[in-house]
Amino acid sequence: MSKVENFLTAAEEAEIVEAIRLAERETSGEIRVHIEKTASGDAFDRAREVFHLLKMDNTELKNGVLIYIAVKDKHFVICGDKGIDDVVADDFWDSTKDVMAAHFKNGDFKQGLIEGIARAGEELRHYFPCQDDDRNELSNEISNGGL
């Protein structure tokens, strides 16, 4: 099995998908998690590429958030679309990464992801509350592997 397949158990993946569902419950924002073996280059550049491939830049309010993990490289990136980037504090993504990294260093990847999702969800809820006509624009499922 590859490191990607061993990164999270099926039960942990289900908990993360539920965390995404709960985080998106009161916001029009969208959160995705993508896990792959390697970024094959700069992790941030690859995260932006995955962001586009997952159509996260197509949300109406430009409020998508991607948590990207390159397992073998031991890199992860959080990137938000223009709408959310423009309104969060300048250090928000870095402080969220720090919270997640503390869990990752202890080998608790599930909890790190859940914390990052929850923090992103709080900001999305604050700046992009759910509207009456809101719909889930993107899947909550974790995407894996090269796209």
N, C-alpha and C. Protein backbone atom coordinates (compact mmCIF):
# COMPACT_ATOMS: atom_id res chain seq x y z
N MET A 1 0.84 -1.20 0.00
CA MET A 1 0.00 0.00 0.00
C MET A 1 0.87 1.25 0.00
N SER A 2 0.37 2.29 -0.63
CA SER A 2 1.12 3.53 -0.64
C SER A 2 0.92 4.28 0.66
N LYS A 3 1.77 5.27 0.87
CA LYS A 3 1.64 6.08 2.08
C LYS A 3 0.31 6.83 2.10
N VAL A 4 -0.22 7.17 0.93
CA VAL A 4 -1.51 7.87 0.87
C VAL A 4 -2.60 6.97 1.42
N GLU A 5 -2.60 5.70 1.04
CA GLU A 5 -3.64 4.78 1.51
C GLU A 5 -3.52 4.51 3.00
N ASN A 6 -2.33 4.62 3.55
CA ASN A 6 -2.12 4.38 4.98
C ASN A 6 -2.23 5.64 5.82
N PHE A 7 -2.39 6.79 5.20
CA PHE A 7 -2.37 8.06 5.92
C PHE A 7 -3.52 8.17 6.91
N LEU A 8 -4.71 7.79 6.48
CA LEU A 8 -5.91 7.83 7.33
C LEU A 8 -6.66 6.52 7.19
N THR A 9 -7.27 6.09 8.27
CA THR A 9 -8.14 4.92 8.20
C THR A 9 -9.48 5.34 7.59
N ALA A 10 -10.28 4.39 7.20
CA ALA A 10 -11.61 4.69 6.67
C ALA A 10 -12.45 5.42 7.71
N ALA A 11 -12.33 5.01 8.97
CA ALA A 11 -13.09 5.66 10.04
C ALA A 11 -12.63 7.11 10.23
N GLU A 12 -11.32 7.33 10.15
CA GLU A 12 -10.80 8.70 10.28
C GLU A 12 -11.27 9.56 9.11
N GLU A 13 -11.25 9.00 7.91
CA GLU A 13 -11.75 9.74 6.75
C GLU A 13 -13.21 10.12 6.95
N ALA A 14 -14.01 9.21 7.47
CA ALA A 14 -15.43 9.50 7.71
C ALA A 14 -15.58 10.64 8.72
N GLU A 15 -14.75 10.65 9.75
CA GLU A 15 -14.81 11.73 10.75
C GLU A 15 -14.44 13.07 10.13
N ILE A 16 -13.48 13.07 9.23
CA ILE A 16 -13.06 14.30 8.57
C ILE A 16 -14.16 14.81 7.64
N VAL A 17 -14.78 13.91 6.89
CA VAL A 17 -15.89 14.30 6.02
C VAL A 17 -17.03 14.89 6.86
N GLU A 18 -17.30 14.30 8.00
CA GLU A 18 -18.33 14.83 8.91
C GLU A 18 -17.93 16.21 9.43
N ALA A 19 -16.65 16.40 9.73
CA ALA A 19 -16.17 17.71 10.19
C ALA A 19 -16.39 18.76 9.10
N ILE A 20 -16.15 18.38 7.86
CA ILE A 20 -16.40 19.31 6.74
C ILE A 20 -17.89 19.63 6.67
N ARG A 21 -18.73 18.61 6.76
CA ARG A 21 -20.17 18.83 6.70
C ARG A 21 -20.63 19.80 7.80
N LEU A 22 -20.13 19.58 9.01
CA LEU A 22 -20.51 20.44 10.13
C LEU A 22 -19.97 21.86 9.95
N ALA A 23 -18.74 21.99 9.45
CA ALA A 23 -18.15 23.31 9.25
C ALA A 23 -18.90 24.09 8.18
N GLU A 24 -19.42 23.40 7.18
CA GLU A 24 -20.12 24.06 6.08
C GLU A 24 -21.61 24.27 6.37
N ARG A 25 -22.08 23.73 7.44
CA ARG A 25 -23.52 23.76 7.75
C ARG A 25 -24.08 25.19 7.85
N GLU A 26 -23.28 26.13 8.34
CA GLU A 26 -23.78 27.49 8.55
C GLU A 26 -23.03 28.52 7.71
N THR A 27 -22.51 28.08 6.57
CA THR A 27 -21.78 28.99 5.71
C THR A 27 -22.03 28.62 4.25
N SER A 28 -21.84 29.59 3.39
CA SER A 28 -21.89 29.31 1.96
C SER A 28 -20.52 28.87 1.46
N GLY A 29 -19.51 28.90 2.34
CA GLY A 29 -18.15 28.51 1.97
C GLY A 29 -18.03 27.01 1.73
N GLU A 30 -16.95 26.65 1.06
CA GLU A 30 -16.68 25.25 0.73
C GLU A 30 -15.28 24.87 1.20
N ILE A 31 -15.17 23.70 1.82
CA ILE A 31 -13.88 23.20 2.31
C ILE A 31 -13.63 21.84 1.67
N ARG A 32 -12.41 21.64 1.20
CA ARG A 32 -12.01 20.35 0.63
C ARG A 32 -10.67 19.95 1.24
N VAL A 33 -10.44 18.65 1.29
CA VAL A 33 -9.15 18.08 1.69
C VAL A 33 -8.67 17.22 0.53
N HIS A 34 -7.42 17.41 0.14
CA HIS A 34 -6.82 16.59 -0.91
C HIS A 34 -5.52 16.01 -0.37
N ILE A 35 -5.36 14.70 -0.53
CA ILE A 35 -4.17 13.99 -0.05
C ILE A 35 -3.54 13.25 -1.22
N GLU A 36 -2.24 13.47 -1.41
CA GLU A 36 -1.53 12.71 -2.42
C GLU A 36 -0.13 12.39 -1.94
N LYS A 37 0.53 11.49 -2.64
CA LYS A 37 1.84 11.00 -2.22
C LYS A 37 2.88 12.11 -2.23
N THR A 38 2.99 12.82 -3.34
CA THR A 38 4.03 13.84 -3.46
C THR A 38 3.51 15.01 -4.28
N ALA A 39 4.07 16.18 -4.01
CA ALA A 39 3.70 17.37 -4.76
C ALA A 39 4.46 17.44 -6.07
N SER A 40 5.51 16.66 -6.22
CA SER A 40 6.35 16.68 -7.42
C SER A 40 6.80 18.10 -7.74
N GLY A 41 7.28 18.79 -6.74
CA GLY A 41 7.72 20.18 -6.90
C GLY A 41 7.27 21.00 -5.71
N ASP A 42 7.05 22.26 -5.93
CA ASP A 42 6.64 23.17 -4.87
C ASP A 42 5.21 22.84 -4.40
N ALA A 43 5.06 22.61 -3.10
CA ALA A 43 3.76 22.20 -2.54
C ALA A 43 2.69 23.27 -2.73
N PHE A 44 3.06 24.54 -2.56
CA PHE A 44 2.06 25.60 -2.72
C PHE A 44 1.57 25.66 -4.17
N ASP A 45 2.50 25.56 -5.12
CA ASP A 45 2.10 25.58 -6.53
C ASP A 45 1.18 24.40 -6.84
N ARG A 46 1.53 23.24 -6.30
CA ARG A 46 0.69 22.06 -6.54
C ARG A 46 -0.68 22.24 -5.89
N ALA A 47 -0.73 22.81 -4.68
CA ALA A 47 -2.01 23.04 -4.01
C ALA A 47 -2.89 23.97 -4.84
N ARG A 48 -2.32 25.01 -5.41
CA ARG A 48 -3.09 25.93 -6.25
C ARG A 48 -3.60 25.20 -7.50
N GLU A 49 -2.77 24.31 -8.05
CA GLU A 49 -3.19 23.53 -9.21
C GLU A 49 -4.37 22.62 -8.84
N VAL A 50 -4.25 21.92 -7.71
CA VAL A 50 -5.33 21.04 -7.24
C VAL A 50 -6.59 21.86 -6.96
N PHE A 51 -6.42 23.04 -6.37
CA PHE A 51 -7.53 23.95 -6.10
C PHE A 51 -8.34 24.17 -7.39
N HIS A 52 -7.62 24.45 -8.46
CA HIS A 52 -8.27 24.68 -9.76
C HIS A 52 -8.89 23.38 -10.32
N LEU A 53 -8.15 22.27 -10.24
CA LEU A 53 -8.64 21.00 -10.77
C LEU A 53 -9.91 20.53 -10.06
N LEU A 54 -10.01 20.84 -8.76
CA LEU A 54 -11.21 20.49 -7.99
C LEU A 54 -12.33 21.51 -8.17
N LYS A 55 -12.09 22.50 -9.03
CA LYS A 55 -13.07 23.55 -9.34
C LYS A 55 -13.43 24.39 -8.13
N MET A 56 -12.49 24.51 -7.21
CA MET A 56 -12.74 25.30 -6.02
C MET A 56 -12.76 26.79 -6.31
N ASP A 57 -12.19 27.17 -7.43
CA ASP A 57 -12.19 28.57 -7.83
C ASP A 57 -13.47 28.94 -8.59
N ASN A 58 -14.43 28.01 -8.64
CA ASN A 58 -15.70 28.27 -9.31
C ASN A 58 -16.83 28.58 -8.33
N THR A 59 -16.54 28.67 -7.03
CA THR A 59 -17.62 28.98 -6.09
C THR A 59 -18.10 30.41 -6.32
N GLU A 60 -19.37 30.62 -6.13
CA GLU A 60 -19.98 31.91 -6.44
C GLU A 60 -19.32 33.07 -5.69
N LEU A 61 -19.03 32.89 -4.41
CA LEU A 61 -18.48 33.98 -3.59
C LEU A 61 -16.96 33.89 -3.42
N LYS A 62 -16.33 33.00 -4.19
CA LYS A 62 -14.86 32.84 -4.11
C LYS A 62 -14.43 32.56 -2.67
N ASN A 63 -15.15 31.60 -2.03
CA ASN A 63 -14.90 31.30 -0.62
C ASN A 63 -14.59 29.82 -0.38
N GLY A 64 -13.84 29.24 -1.31
CA GLY A 64 -13.38 27.87 -1.13
C GLY A 64 -12.07 27.82 -0.36
N VAL A 65 -11.90 26.77 0.43
CA VAL A 65 -10.68 26.54 1.21
C VAL A 65 -10.22 25.12 0.95
N LEU A 66 -8.95 24.98 0.57
CA LEU A 66 -8.37 23.66 0.34
C LEU A 66 -7.28 23.39 1.36
N ILE A 67 -7.34 22.20 1.96
CA ILE A 67 -6.23 21.70 2.77
C ILE A 67 -5.58 20.61 1.94
N TYR A 68 -4.34 20.88 1.53
CA TYR A 68 -3.61 20.00 0.63
C TYR A 68 -2.47 19.33 1.41
N ILE A 69 -2.34 18.01 1.26
CA ILE A 69 -1.28 17.28 1.96
C ILE A 69 -0.52 16.41 0.96
N ALA A 70 0.81 16.57 0.96
CA ALA A 70 1.70 15.71 0.19
C ALA A 70 2.40 14.82 1.22
N VAL A 71 1.93 13.59 1.35
CA VAL A 71 2.33 12.70 2.45
C VAL A 71 3.83 12.40 2.46
N LYS A 72 4.34 11.89 1.36
CA LYS A 72 5.75 11.50 1.32
C LYS A 72 6.67 12.71 1.53
N ASP A 73 6.27 13.86 0.98
CA ASP A 73 7.07 15.08 1.11
C ASP A 73 6.98 15.70 2.50
N LYS A 74 5.97 15.29 3.27
CA LYS A 74 5.70 15.86 4.59
C LYS A 74 5.45 17.37 4.51
N HIS A 75 4.63 17.75 3.52
CA HIS A 75 4.24 19.15 3.33
C HIS A 75 2.72 19.24 3.32
N PHE A 76 2.22 20.36 3.84
CA PHE A 76 0.80 20.63 3.69
C PHE A 76 0.61 22.13 3.52
N VAL A 77 -0.46 22.46 2.82
CA VAL A 77 -0.76 23.84 2.47
C VAL A 77 -2.24 24.07 2.71
N ILE A 78 -2.57 25.25 3.20
CA ILE A 78 -3.97 25.67 3.26
C ILE A 78 -4.08 26.86 2.33
N CYS A 79 -4.99 26.77 1.38
CA CYS A 79 -5.17 27.93 0.51
C CYS A 79 -6.64 28.24 0.37
N GLY A 80 -6.91 29.52 0.38
CA GLY A 80 -8.28 29.99 0.22
C GLY A 80 -8.40 30.82 -1.04
N ASP A 81 -9.59 30.86 -1.58
CA ASP A 81 -9.86 31.67 -2.77
C ASP A 81 -9.89 33.15 -2.37
N LYS A 82 -9.98 34.00 -3.35
CA LYS A 82 -9.88 35.44 -3.15
C LYS A 82 -10.88 35.99 -2.14
N GLY A 83 -12.12 35.51 -2.19
CA GLY A 83 -13.14 36.03 -1.29
C GLY A 83 -12.79 35.86 0.17
N ILE A 84 -12.34 34.68 0.56
CA ILE A 84 -11.98 34.43 1.95
C ILE A 84 -10.63 35.04 2.28
N ASP A 85 -9.68 34.98 1.36
CA ASP A 85 -8.36 35.57 1.59
C ASP A 85 -8.44 37.06 1.88
N ASP A 86 -9.35 37.73 1.20
CA ASP A 86 -9.48 39.18 1.35
C ASP A 86 -10.01 39.61 2.72
N VAL A 87 -10.68 38.72 3.44
CA VAL A 87 -11.33 39.14 4.68
C VAL A 87 -10.72 38.57 5.96
N VAL A 88 -9.99 37.47 5.88
CA VAL A 88 -9.41 36.91 7.11
C VAL A 88 -8.17 37.72 7.52
N ALA A 89 -7.81 37.62 8.78
CA ALA A 89 -6.61 38.30 9.27
C ALA A 89 -5.39 37.80 8.50
N ASP A 90 -4.40 38.67 8.36
CA ASP A 90 -3.21 38.34 7.58
C ASP A 90 -2.52 37.06 8.04
N ASP A 91 -2.60 36.78 9.34
CA ASP A 91 -1.89 35.60 9.88
C ASP A 91 -2.82 34.39 10.06
N PHE A 92 -4.06 34.47 9.56
CA PHE A 92 -5.01 33.40 9.82
C PHE A 92 -4.55 32.05 9.30
N TRP A 93 -4.13 31.98 8.04
CA TRP A 93 -3.75 30.69 7.47
C TRP A 93 -2.51 30.14 8.17
N ASP A 94 -1.56 31.01 8.50
CA ASP A 94 -0.35 30.55 9.20
C ASP A 94 -0.68 30.05 10.60
N SER A 95 -1.54 30.76 11.31
CA SER A 95 -1.89 30.32 12.67
C SER A 95 -2.68 29.01 12.61
N THR A 96 -3.49 28.84 11.60
CA THR A 96 -4.23 27.58 11.43
C THR A 96 -3.26 26.45 11.12
N LYS A 97 -2.29 26.71 10.25
CA LYS A 97 -1.27 25.71 9.95
C LYS A 97 -0.50 25.31 11.21
N ASP A 98 -0.21 26.29 12.08
CA ASP A 98 0.53 25.99 13.31
C ASP A 98 -0.26 25.05 14.21
N VAL A 99 -1.56 25.27 14.34
CA VAL A 99 -2.42 24.40 15.14
C VAL A 99 -2.42 22.99 14.56
N MET A 100 -2.55 22.90 13.25
CA MET A 100 -2.56 21.60 12.59
C MET A 100 -1.20 20.90 12.73
N ALA A 101 -0.13 21.65 12.53
CA ALA A 101 1.22 21.08 12.59
C ALA A 101 1.52 20.49 13.96
N ALA A 102 1.01 21.12 15.02
CA ALA A 102 1.23 20.59 16.37
C ALA A 102 0.64 19.18 16.49
N HIS A 103 -0.53 18.96 15.92
CA HIS A 103 -1.14 17.63 15.92
C HIS A 103 -0.37 16.67 15.00
N PHE A 104 0.01 17.17 13.83
CA PHE A 104 0.73 16.33 12.87
C PHE A 104 2.05 15.82 13.46
N LYS A 105 2.75 16.69 14.20
CA LYS A 105 4.03 16.29 14.80
C LYS A 105 3.87 15.14 15.79
N ASN A 106 2.68 15.05 16.37
CA ASN A 106 2.38 13.94 17.30
C ASN A 106 1.77 12.75 16.58
N GLY A 107 1.70 12.82 15.25
CA GLY A 107 1.15 11.72 14.47
C GLY A 107 -0.37 11.67 14.44
N ASP A 108 -1.02 12.72 14.95
CA ASP A 108 -2.48 12.75 14.99
C ASP A 108 -3.00 13.57 13.81
N PHE A 109 -2.93 12.96 12.63
CA PHE A 109 -3.31 13.66 11.41
C PHE A 109 -4.80 13.95 11.36
N LYS A 110 -5.60 13.01 11.83
CA LYS A 110 -7.05 13.21 11.83
C LYS A 110 -7.42 14.44 12.64
N GLN A 111 -6.90 14.54 13.85
CA GLN A 111 -7.26 15.67 14.70
C GLN A 111 -6.73 16.98 14.14
N GLY A 112 -5.54 16.95 13.55
CA GLY A 112 -5.00 18.15 12.92
C GLY A 112 -5.90 18.65 11.80
N LEU A 113 -6.36 17.72 10.98
CA LEU A 113 -7.27 18.09 9.90
C LEU A 113 -8.60 18.61 10.44
N ILE A 114 -9.14 17.96 11.44
CA ILE A 114 -10.41 18.39 12.01
C ILE A 114 -10.28 19.79 12.61
N GLU A 115 -9.18 20.06 13.28
CA GLU A 115 -8.95 21.41 13.85
C GLU A 115 -8.85 22.46 12.75
N GLY A 116 -8.11 22.15 11.69
CA GLY A 116 -7.97 23.09 10.58
C GLY A 116 -9.30 23.35 9.89
N ILE A 117 -10.08 22.30 9.69
CA ILE A 117 -11.41 22.42 9.09
C ILE A 117 -12.32 23.27 9.97
N ALA A 118 -12.29 23.03 11.27
CA ALA A 118 -13.14 23.78 12.20
C ALA A 118 -12.77 25.27 12.19
N ARG A 119 -11.48 25.56 12.21
CA ARG A 119 -11.04 26.97 12.19
C ARG A 119 -11.46 27.64 10.89
N ALA A 120 -11.27 26.97 9.76
CA ALA A 120 -11.69 27.53 8.48
C ALA A 120 -13.20 27.74 8.47
N GLY A 121 -13.93 26.76 9.00
CA GLY A 121 -15.38 26.86 9.06
C GLY A 121 -15.86 28.05 9.88
N GLU A 122 -15.19 28.32 11.00
CA GLU A 122 -15.56 29.47 11.83
C GLU A 122 -15.41 30.77 11.07
N GLU A 123 -14.30 30.92 10.36
CA GLU A 123 -14.08 32.14 9.59
C GLU A 123 -15.08 32.24 8.44
N LEU A 124 -15.31 31.14 7.75
CA LEU A 124 -16.29 31.15 6.67
C LEU A 124 -17.68 31.51 7.19
N ARG A 125 -18.04 30.95 8.32
CA ARG A 125 -19.35 31.22 8.93
C ARG A 125 -19.47 32.71 9.28
N HIS A 126 -18.38 33.29 9.78
CA HIS A 126 -18.38 34.70 10.17
C HIS A 126 -18.55 35.62 8.94
N TYR A 127 -17.77 35.36 7.91
CA TYR A 127 -17.76 36.24 6.75
C TYR A 127 -18.73 35.84 5.64
N PHE A 128 -19.11 34.59 5.61
CA PHE A 128 -19.99 34.08 4.55
C PHE A 128 -21.07 33.21 5.17
N PRO A 129 -21.99 33.83 5.94
CA PRO A 129 -23.04 33.02 6.57
C PRO A 129 -23.92 32.36 5.51
N CYS A 130 -24.53 31.28 5.93
CA CYS A 130 -25.42 30.52 5.05
C CYS A 130 -26.61 31.39 4.64
N GLN A 131 -26.96 31.34 3.38
CA GLN A 131 -28.11 32.08 2.86
C GLN A 131 -29.27 31.10 2.64
N ASP A 132 -30.46 31.62 2.51
CA ASP A 132 -31.65 30.77 2.31
C ASP A 132 -31.53 29.89 1.08
N ASP A 133 -30.88 30.41 0.03
CA ASP A 133 -30.77 29.66 -1.21
C ASP A 133 -29.42 28.94 -1.35
N ASP A 134 -28.70 28.82 -0.24
CA ASP A 134 -27.38 28.20 -0.29
C ASP A 134 -27.48 26.73 -0.65
N ARG A 135 -26.49 26.27 -1.41
CA ARG A 135 -26.41 24.85 -1.73
C ARG A 135 -24.96 24.43 -1.62
N ASN A 136 -24.74 23.17 -1.36
CA ASN A 136 -23.39 22.63 -1.27
C ASN A 136 -22.84 22.57 -2.70
N GLU A 137 -21.89 23.45 -3.01
CA GLU A 137 -21.39 23.56 -4.37
C GLU A 137 -20.35 22.49 -4.72
N LEU A 138 -19.67 21.95 -3.70
CA LEU A 138 -18.59 20.99 -3.94
C LEU A 138 -18.74 19.80 -2.99
N SER A 139 -18.21 18.68 -3.41
CA SER A 139 -18.23 17.47 -2.59
C SER A 139 -17.47 17.68 -1.28
N ASN A 140 -17.92 17.01 -0.23
CA ASN A 140 -17.20 17.03 1.05
C ASN A 140 -16.20 15.89 1.15
N GLU A 141 -16.22 14.97 0.20
CA GLU A 141 -15.33 13.82 0.23
C GLU A 141 -13.87 14.24 0.08
N ILE A 142 -13.00 13.48 0.71
CA ILE A 142 -11.56 13.69 0.58
C ILE A 142 -11.15 13.19 -0.80
N SER A 143 -10.39 14.01 -1.52
CA SER A 143 -9.87 13.55 -2.81
C SER A 143 -8.46 13.04 -2.59
N ASN A 144 -8.08 12.04 -3.36
CA ASN A 144 -6.79 11.38 -3.19
C ASN A 144 -6.06 11.28 -4.51
N GLY A 145 -4.74 11.23 -4.40
CA GLY A 145 -3.92 10.93 -5.56
C GLY A 145 -3.81 12.07 -6.54
N GLY A 146 -3.08 11.81 -7.60
CA GLY A 146 -2.87 12.81 -8.63
C GLY A 146 -4.13 13.06 -9.42
N LEU A 147 -4.37 14.28 -9.73
CA LEU A 147 -5.54 14.65 -10.54
C LEU A 147 -5.10 14.97 -11.95
